[in-house]
Amino acid sequence: MSRMTPEHQIWAVALWVEKNHGDHGPAYIAEQIGRLALAGDEAGVTTWKKVAARYSELKQAPPPDRS
């Protein structure tokens, strides 16, 4: 069984946010960043900023061709 790379984990979280929060994803991500910043968790903030970037990429990607 192969393990997920850190990059795959970031993408997995971004996909989870899109699936579970839809267009409210940016607000959810901002809440996570704010919570972690208040807790002084710099690594967590960095991770969620990466999630935010991948989420943005997901939302900018054209929909798949289903023909």
PDB file of N, CA and C in Angstrom:
ATOM      1  N   MET A   1       0.844  -1.176   0.000  1.00  0.00           N
ATOM      2  CA  MET A   1       0.000   0.000   0.000  1.00  0.00           C
ATOM      3  C   MET A   1       0.893   1.243   0.000  1.00  0.00           C
ATOM      4  N   SER A   2       0.634   2.153  -0.916  1.00  0.00           N
ATOM      5  CA  SER A   2       1.462   3.353  -0.993  1.00  0.00           C
ATOM      6  C   SER A   2       0.916   4.436  -0.072  1.00  0.00           C
ATOM      7  N   ARG A   3       1.819   5.254   0.399  1.00  0.00           N
ATOM      8  CA  ARG A   3       1.446   6.349   1.290  1.00  0.00           C
ATOM      9  C   ARG A   3       1.250   7.613   0.471  1.00  0.00           C
ATOM     10  N   MET A   4       0.396   8.485   0.971  1.00  0.00           N
ATOM     11  CA  MET A   4       0.187   9.760   0.299  1.00  0.00           C
ATOM     12  C   MET A   4       1.357  10.690   0.603  1.00  0.00           C
ATOM     13  N   THR A   5       1.802  11.400  -0.416  1.00  0.00           N
ATOM     14  CA  THR A   5       2.839  12.404  -0.217  1.00  0.00           C
ATOM     15  C   THR A   5       2.213  13.621   0.466  1.00  0.00           C
ATOM     16  N   PRO A   6       3.023  14.482   1.054  1.00  0.00           N
ATOM     17  CA  PRO A   6       2.464  15.703   1.651  1.00  0.00           C
ATOM     18  C   PRO A   6       1.657  16.520   0.629  1.00  0.00           C
ATOM     19  N   GLU A   7       2.125  16.568  -0.600  1.00  0.00           N
ATOM     20  CA  GLU A   7       1.397  17.312  -1.640  1.00  0.00           C
ATOM     21  C   GLU A   7       0.030  16.671  -1.896  1.00  0.00           C
ATOM     22  N   HIS A   8      -0.016  15.348  -1.950  1.00  0.00           N
ATOM     23  CA  HIS A   8      -1.303  14.666  -2.137  1.00  0.00           C
ATOM     24  C   HIS A   8      -2.233  14.930  -0.957  1.00  0.00           C
ATOM     25  N   GLN A   9      -1.671  15.001   0.239  1.00  0.00           N
ATOM     26  CA  GLN A   9      -2.490  15.285   1.421  1.00  0.00           C
ATOM     27  C   GLN A   9      -3.116  16.678   1.343  1.00  0.00           C
ATOM     28  N   ILE A  10      -2.340  17.642   0.872  1.00  0.00           N
ATOM     29  CA  ILE A  10      -2.855  19.012   0.712  1.00  0.00           C
ATOM     30  C   ILE A  10      -4.003  19.020  -0.290  1.00  0.00           C
ATOM     31  N   TRP A  11      -3.798  18.340  -1.421  1.00  0.00           N
ATOM     32  CA  TRP A  11      -4.863  18.260  -2.434  1.00  0.00           C
ATOM     33  C   TRP A  11      -6.087  17.549  -1.872  1.00  0.00           C
ATOM     34  N   ALA A  12      -5.890  16.512  -1.100  1.00  0.00           N
ATOM     35  CA  ALA A  12      -7.012  15.777  -0.509  1.00  0.00           C
ATOM     36  C   ALA A  12      -7.831  16.688   0.410  1.00  0.00           C
ATOM     37  N   VAL A  13      -7.159  17.507   1.191  1.00  0.00           N
ATOM     38  CA  VAL A  13      -7.870  18.433   2.081  1.00  0.00           C
ATOM     39  C   VAL A  13      -8.616  19.479   1.251  1.00  0.00           C
ATOM     40  N   ALA A  14      -7.985  19.997   0.213  1.00  0.00           N
ATOM     41  CA  ALA A  14      -8.648  20.985  -0.653  1.00  0.00           C
ATOM     42  C   ALA A  14      -9.903  20.382  -1.291  1.00  0.00           C
ATOM     43  N   LEU A  15      -9.807  19.147  -1.741  1.00  0.00           N
ATOM     44  CA  LEU A  15     -10.976  18.475  -2.321  1.00  0.00           C
ATOM     45  C   LEU A  15     -12.062  18.261  -1.272  1.00  0.00           C
ATOM     46  N   TRP A  16     -11.658  17.898  -0.052  1.00  0.00           N
ATOM     47  CA  TRP A  16     -12.613  17.716   1.031  1.00  0.00           C
ATOM     48  C   TRP A  16     -13.342  19.023   1.323  1.00  0.00           C
ATOM     49  N   VAL A  17     -12.584  20.130   1.367  1.00  0.00           N
ATOM     50  CA  VAL A  17     -13.198  21.438   1.623  1.00  0.00           C
ATOM     51  C   VAL A  17     -14.192  21.758   0.508  1.00  0.00           C
ATOM     52  N   GLU A  18     -13.807  21.523  -0.734  1.00  0.00           N
ATOM     53  CA  GLU A  18     -14.712  21.807  -1.855  1.00  0.00           C
ATOM     54  C   GLU A  18     -15.991  20.968  -1.745  1.00  0.00           C
ATOM     55  N   LYS A  19     -15.839  19.698  -1.434  1.00  0.00           N
ATOM     56  CA  LYS A  19     -16.992  18.797  -1.336  1.00  0.00           C
ATOM     57  C   LYS A  19     -17.906  19.160  -0.169  1.00  0.00           C
ATOM     58  N   ASN A  20     -17.329  19.490   0.971  1.00  0.00           N
ATOM     59  CA  ASN A  20     -18.109  19.712   2.181  1.00  0.00           C
ATOM     60  C   ASN A  20     -18.530  21.158   2.424  1.00  0.00           C
ATOM     61  N   HIS A  21     -17.830  22.108   1.802  1.00  0.00           N
ATOM     62  CA  HIS A  21     -18.127  23.517   2.059  1.00  0.00           C
ATOM     63  C   HIS A  21     -18.439  24.307   0.796  1.00  0.00           C
ATOM     64  N   GLY A  22     -18.181  23.721  -0.369  1.00  0.00           N
ATOM     65  CA  GLY A  22     -18.535  24.375  -1.632  1.00  0.00           C
ATOM     66  C   GLY A  22     -18.013  25.789  -1.735  1.00  0.00           C
ATOM     67  N   ASP A  23     -18.929  26.705  -2.102  1.00  0.00           N
ATOM     68  CA  ASP A  23     -18.542  28.107  -2.272  1.00  0.00           C
ATOM     69  C   ASP A  23     -18.195  28.790  -0.952  1.00  0.00           C
ATOM     70  N   HIS A  24     -18.494  28.150   0.161  1.00  0.00           N
ATOM     71  CA  HIS A  24     -18.131  28.689   1.469  1.00  0.00           C
ATOM     72  C   HIS A  24     -16.747  28.206   1.904  1.00  0.00           C
ATOM     73  N   GLY A  25     -16.074  27.492   1.008  1.00  0.00           N
ATOM     74  CA  GLY A  25     -14.739  26.971   1.287  1.00  0.00           C
ATOM     75  C   GLY A  25     -13.745  28.032   1.730  1.00  0.00           C
ATOM     76  N   PRO A  26     -13.684  29.164   1.030  1.00  0.00           N
ATOM     77  CA  PRO A  26     -12.717  30.185   1.450  1.00  0.00           C
ATOM     78  C   PRO A  26     -12.946  30.663   2.891  1.00  0.00           C
ATOM     79  N   ALA A  27     -14.199  30.784   3.286  1.00  0.00           N
ATOM     80  CA  ALA A  27     -14.486  31.206   4.657  1.00  0.00           C
ATOM     81  C   ALA A  27     -14.042  30.132   5.648  1.00  0.00           C
ATOM     82  N   TYR A  28     -14.294  28.870   5.316  1.00  0.00           N
ATOM     83  CA  TYR A  28     -13.875  27.780   6.193  1.00  0.00           C
ATOM     84  C   TYR A  28     -12.354  27.763   6.326  1.00  0.00           C
ATOM     85  N   ILE A  29     -11.666  27.910   5.203  1.00  0.00           N
ATOM     86  CA  ILE A  29     -10.203  27.916   5.216  1.00  0.00           C
ATOM     87  C   ILE A  29      -9.688  29.096   6.044  1.00  0.00           C
ATOM     88  N   ALA A  30     -10.294  30.263   5.865  1.00  0.00           N
ATOM     89  CA  ALA A  30      -9.877  31.445   6.633  1.00  0.00           C
ATOM     90  C   ALA A  30     -10.079  31.223   8.125  1.00  0.00           C
ATOM     91  N   GLU A  31     -11.179  30.551   8.491  1.00  0.00           N
ATOM     92  CA  GLU A  31     -11.417  30.241   9.906  1.00  0.00           C
ATOM     93  C   GLU A  31     -10.303  29.351  10.463  1.00  0.00           C
ATOM     94  N   GLN A  32      -9.902  28.361   9.668  1.00  0.00           N
ATOM     95  CA  GLN A  32      -8.841  27.460  10.127  1.00  0.00           C
ATOM     96  C   GLN A  32      -7.526  28.219  10.291  1.00  0.00           C
ATOM     97  N   ILE A  33      -7.209  29.069   9.331  1.00  0.00           N
ATOM     98  CA  ILE A  33      -5.973  29.851   9.405  1.00  0.00           C
ATOM     99  C   ILE A  33      -6.003  30.771  10.624  1.00  0.00           C
ATOM    100  N   GLY A  34      -7.140  31.438  10.842  1.00  0.00           N
ATOM    101  CA  GLY A  34      -7.266  32.330  11.993  1.00  0.00           C
ATOM    102  C   GLY A  34      -7.135  31.597  13.315  1.00  0.00           C
ATOM    103  N   ARG A  35      -7.807  30.444  13.416  1.00  0.00           N
ATOM    104  CA  ARG A  35      -7.745  29.645  14.644  1.00  0.00           C
ATOM    105  C   ARG A  35      -6.320  29.209  14.942  1.00  0.00           C
ATOM    106  N   LEU A  36      -5.633  28.731  13.905  1.00  0.00           N
ATOM    107  CA  LEU A  36      -4.262  28.264  14.088  1.00  0.00           C
ATOM    108  C   LEU A  36      -3.299  29.415  14.385  1.00  0.00           C
ATOM    109  N   ALA A  37      -3.535  30.559  13.764  1.00  0.00           N
ATOM    110  CA  ALA A  37      -2.688  31.728  14.032  1.00  0.00           C
ATOM    111  C   ALA A  37      -2.828  32.159  15.490  1.00  0.00           C
ATOM    112  N   LEU A  38      -4.070  32.178  15.979  1.00  0.00           N
ATOM    113  CA  LEU A  38      -4.286  32.552  17.381  1.00  0.00           C
ATOM    114  C   LEU A  38      -3.631  31.568  18.339  1.00  0.00           C
ATOM    115  N   ALA A  39      -3.543  30.314  17.908  1.00  0.00           N
ATOM    116  CA  ALA A  39      -2.911  29.282  18.748  1.00  0.00           C
ATOM    117  C   ALA A  39      -1.390  29.289  18.603  1.00  0.00           C
ATOM    118  N   GLY A  40      -0.880  30.128  17.684  1.00  0.00           N
ATOM    119  CA  GLY A  40       0.567  30.195  17.477  1.00  0.00           C
ATOM    120  C   GLY A  40       1.124  29.019  16.689  1.00  0.00           C
ATOM    121  N   ASP A  41       0.261  28.347  15.932  1.00  0.00           N
ATOM    122  CA  ASP A  41       0.665  27.166  15.156  1.00  0.00           C
ATOM    123  C   ASP A  41       1.077  27.591  13.743  1.00  0.00           C
ATOM    124  N   GLU A  42       2.327  27.998  13.619  1.00  0.00           N
ATOM    125  CA  GLU A  42       2.808  28.495  12.331  1.00  0.00           C
ATOM    126  C   GLU A  42       2.802  27.412  11.250  1.00  0.00           C
ATOM    127  N   ALA A  43       3.132  26.194  11.626  1.00  0.00           N
ATOM    128  CA  ALA A  43       3.126  25.102  10.651  1.00  0.00           C
ATOM    129  C   ALA A  43       1.702  24.845  10.152  1.00  0.00           C
ATOM    130  N   GLY A  44       0.732  24.901  11.057  1.00  0.00           N
ATOM    131  CA  GLY A  44      -0.662  24.723  10.667  1.00  0.00           C
ATOM    132  C   GLY A  44      -1.126  25.831   9.742  1.00  0.00           C
ATOM    133  N   VAL A  45      -0.745  27.055  10.044  1.00  0.00           N
ATOM    134  CA  VAL A  45      -1.093  28.194   9.182  1.00  0.00           C
ATOM    135  C   VAL A  45      -0.502  27.980   7.792  1.00  0.00           C
ATOM    136  N   THR A  46       0.751  27.577   7.737  1.00  0.00           N
ATOM    137  CA  THR A  46       1.410  27.333   6.453  1.00  0.00           C
ATOM    138  C   THR A  46       0.680  26.251   5.665  1.00  0.00           C
ATOM    139  N   THR A  47       0.299  25.189   6.346  1.00  0.00           N
ATOM    140  CA  THR A  47      -0.415  24.094   5.687  1.00  0.00           C
ATOM    141  C   THR A  47      -1.743  24.579   5.115  1.00  0.00           C
ATOM    142  N   TRP A  48      -2.512  25.307   5.906  1.00  0.00           N
ATOM    143  CA  TRP A  48      -3.810  25.766   5.431  1.00  0.00           C
ATOM    144  C   TRP A  48      -3.686  26.829   4.341  1.00  0.00           C
ATOM    145  N   LYS A  49      -2.603  27.577   4.329  1.00  0.00           N
ATOM    146  CA  LYS A  49      -2.373  28.501   3.209  1.00  0.00           C
ATOM    147  C   LYS A  49      -2.130  27.711   1.926  1.00  0.00           C
ATOM    148  N   LYS A  50      -1.454  26.574   2.041  1.00  0.00           N
ATOM    149  CA  LYS A  50      -1.271  25.697   0.884  1.00  0.00           C
ATOM    150  C   LYS A  50      -2.607  25.128   0.437  1.00  0.00           C
ATOM    151  N   VAL A  51      -3.434  24.736   1.398  1.00  0.00           N
ATOM    152  CA  VAL A  51      -4.780  24.243   1.063  1.00  0.00           C
ATOM    153  C   VAL A  51      -5.551  25.333   0.331  1.00  0.00           C
ATOM    154  N   ALA A  52      -5.455  26.563   0.804  1.00  0.00           N
ATOM    155  CA  ALA A  52      -6.149  27.685   0.155  1.00  0.00           C
ATOM    156  C   ALA A  52      -5.709  27.840  -1.294  1.00  0.00           C
ATOM    157  N   ALA A  53      -4.416  27.698  -1.544  1.00  0.00           N
ATOM    158  CA  ALA A  53      -3.909  27.828  -2.910  1.00  0.00           C
ATOM    159  C   ALA A  53      -4.441  26.707  -3.800  1.00  0.00           C
ATOM    160  N   ARG A  54      -4.470  25.474  -3.283  1.00  0.00           N
ATOM    161  CA  ARG A  54      -4.974  24.349  -4.080  1.00  0.00           C
ATOM    162  C   ARG A  54      -6.475  24.480  -4.309  1.00  0.00           C
ATOM    163  N   TYR A  55      -7.203  24.932  -3.294  1.00  0.00           N
ATOM    164  CA  TYR A  55      -8.642  25.159  -3.425  1.00  0.00           C
ATOM    165  C   TYR A  55      -8.898  26.173  -4.534  1.00  0.00           C
ATOM    166  N   SER A  56      -8.112  27.229  -4.540  1.00  0.00           N
ATOM    167  CA  SER A  56      -8.246  28.248  -5.581  1.00  0.00           C
ATOM    168  C   SER A  56      -7.995  27.649  -6.962  1.00  0.00           C
ATOM    169  N   GLU A  57      -6.994  26.798  -7.067  1.00  0.00           N
ATOM    170  CA  GLU A  57      -6.720  26.127  -8.339  1.00  0.00           C
ATOM    171  C   GLU A  57      -7.904  25.265  -8.759  1.00  0.00           C
ATOM    172  N   LEU A  58      -8.508  24.555  -7.811  1.00  0.00           N
ATOM    173  CA  LEU A  58      -9.664  23.712  -8.115  1.00  0.00           C
ATOM    174  C   LEU A  58     -10.808  24.555  -8.678  1.00  0.00           C
ATOM    175  N   LYS A  59     -11.050  25.696  -8.064  1.00  0.00           N
ATOM    176  CA  LYS A  59     -12.166  26.529  -8.476  1.00  0.00           C
ATOM    177  C   LYS A  59     -11.912  27.211  -9.813  1.00  0.00           C
ATOM    178  N   GLN A  60     -10.642  27.371 -10.200  1.00  0.00           N
ATOM    179  CA  GLN A  60     -10.309  28.011 -11.472  1.00  0.00           C
ATOM    180  C   GLN A  60     -10.222  27.018 -12.619  1.00  0.00           C
ATOM    181  N   ALA A  61     -10.122  25.748 -12.289  1.00  0.00           N
ATOM    182  CA  ALA A  61      -9.975  24.719 -13.329  1.00  0.00           C
ATOM    183  C   ALA A  61     -11.278  24.595 -14.114  1.00  0.00           C
ATOM    184  N   PRO A  62     -11.168  24.409 -15.431  1.00  0.00           N
ATOM    185  CA  PRO A  62     -12.397  24.216 -16.214  1.00  0.00           C
ATOM    186  C   PRO A  62     -13.044  22.881 -15.842  1.00  0.00           C
ATOM    187  N   PRO A  63     -14.369  22.814 -15.939  1.00  0.00           N
ATOM    188  CA  PRO A  63     -15.022  21.543 -15.614  1.00  0.00           C
ATOM    189  C   PRO A  63     -14.594  20.459 -16.601  1.00  0.00           C
ATOM    190  N   PRO A  64     -14.604  19.211 -16.167  1.00  0.00           N
ATOM    191  CA  PRO A  64     -14.188  18.126 -17.070  1.00  0.00           C
ATOM    192  C   PRO A  64     -15.172  17.984 -18.227  1.00  0.00           C
ATOM    193  N   ASP A  65     -14.645  17.606 -19.371  1.00  0.00           N
ATOM    194  CA  ASP A  65     -15.479  17.367 -20.552  1.00  0.00           C
ATOM    195  C   ASP A  65     -16.179  16.019 -20.369  1.00  0.00           C
ATOM    196  N   ARG A  66     -17.481  16.042 -20.324  1.00  0.00           N
ATOM    197  CA  ARG A  66     -18.252  14.825 -20.077  1.00  0.00           C
ATOM    198  C   ARG A  66     -18.923  14.300 -21.331  1.00  0.00           C
ATOM    199  N   SER A  67     -18.395  14.670 -22.486  1.00  0.00           N
ATOM    200  CA  SER A  67     -19.014  14.178 -23.733  1.00  0.00           C
ATOM    201  C   SER A  67     -18.495  12.830 -24.139  1.00  0.00           C
TER     202      SER A  67
END
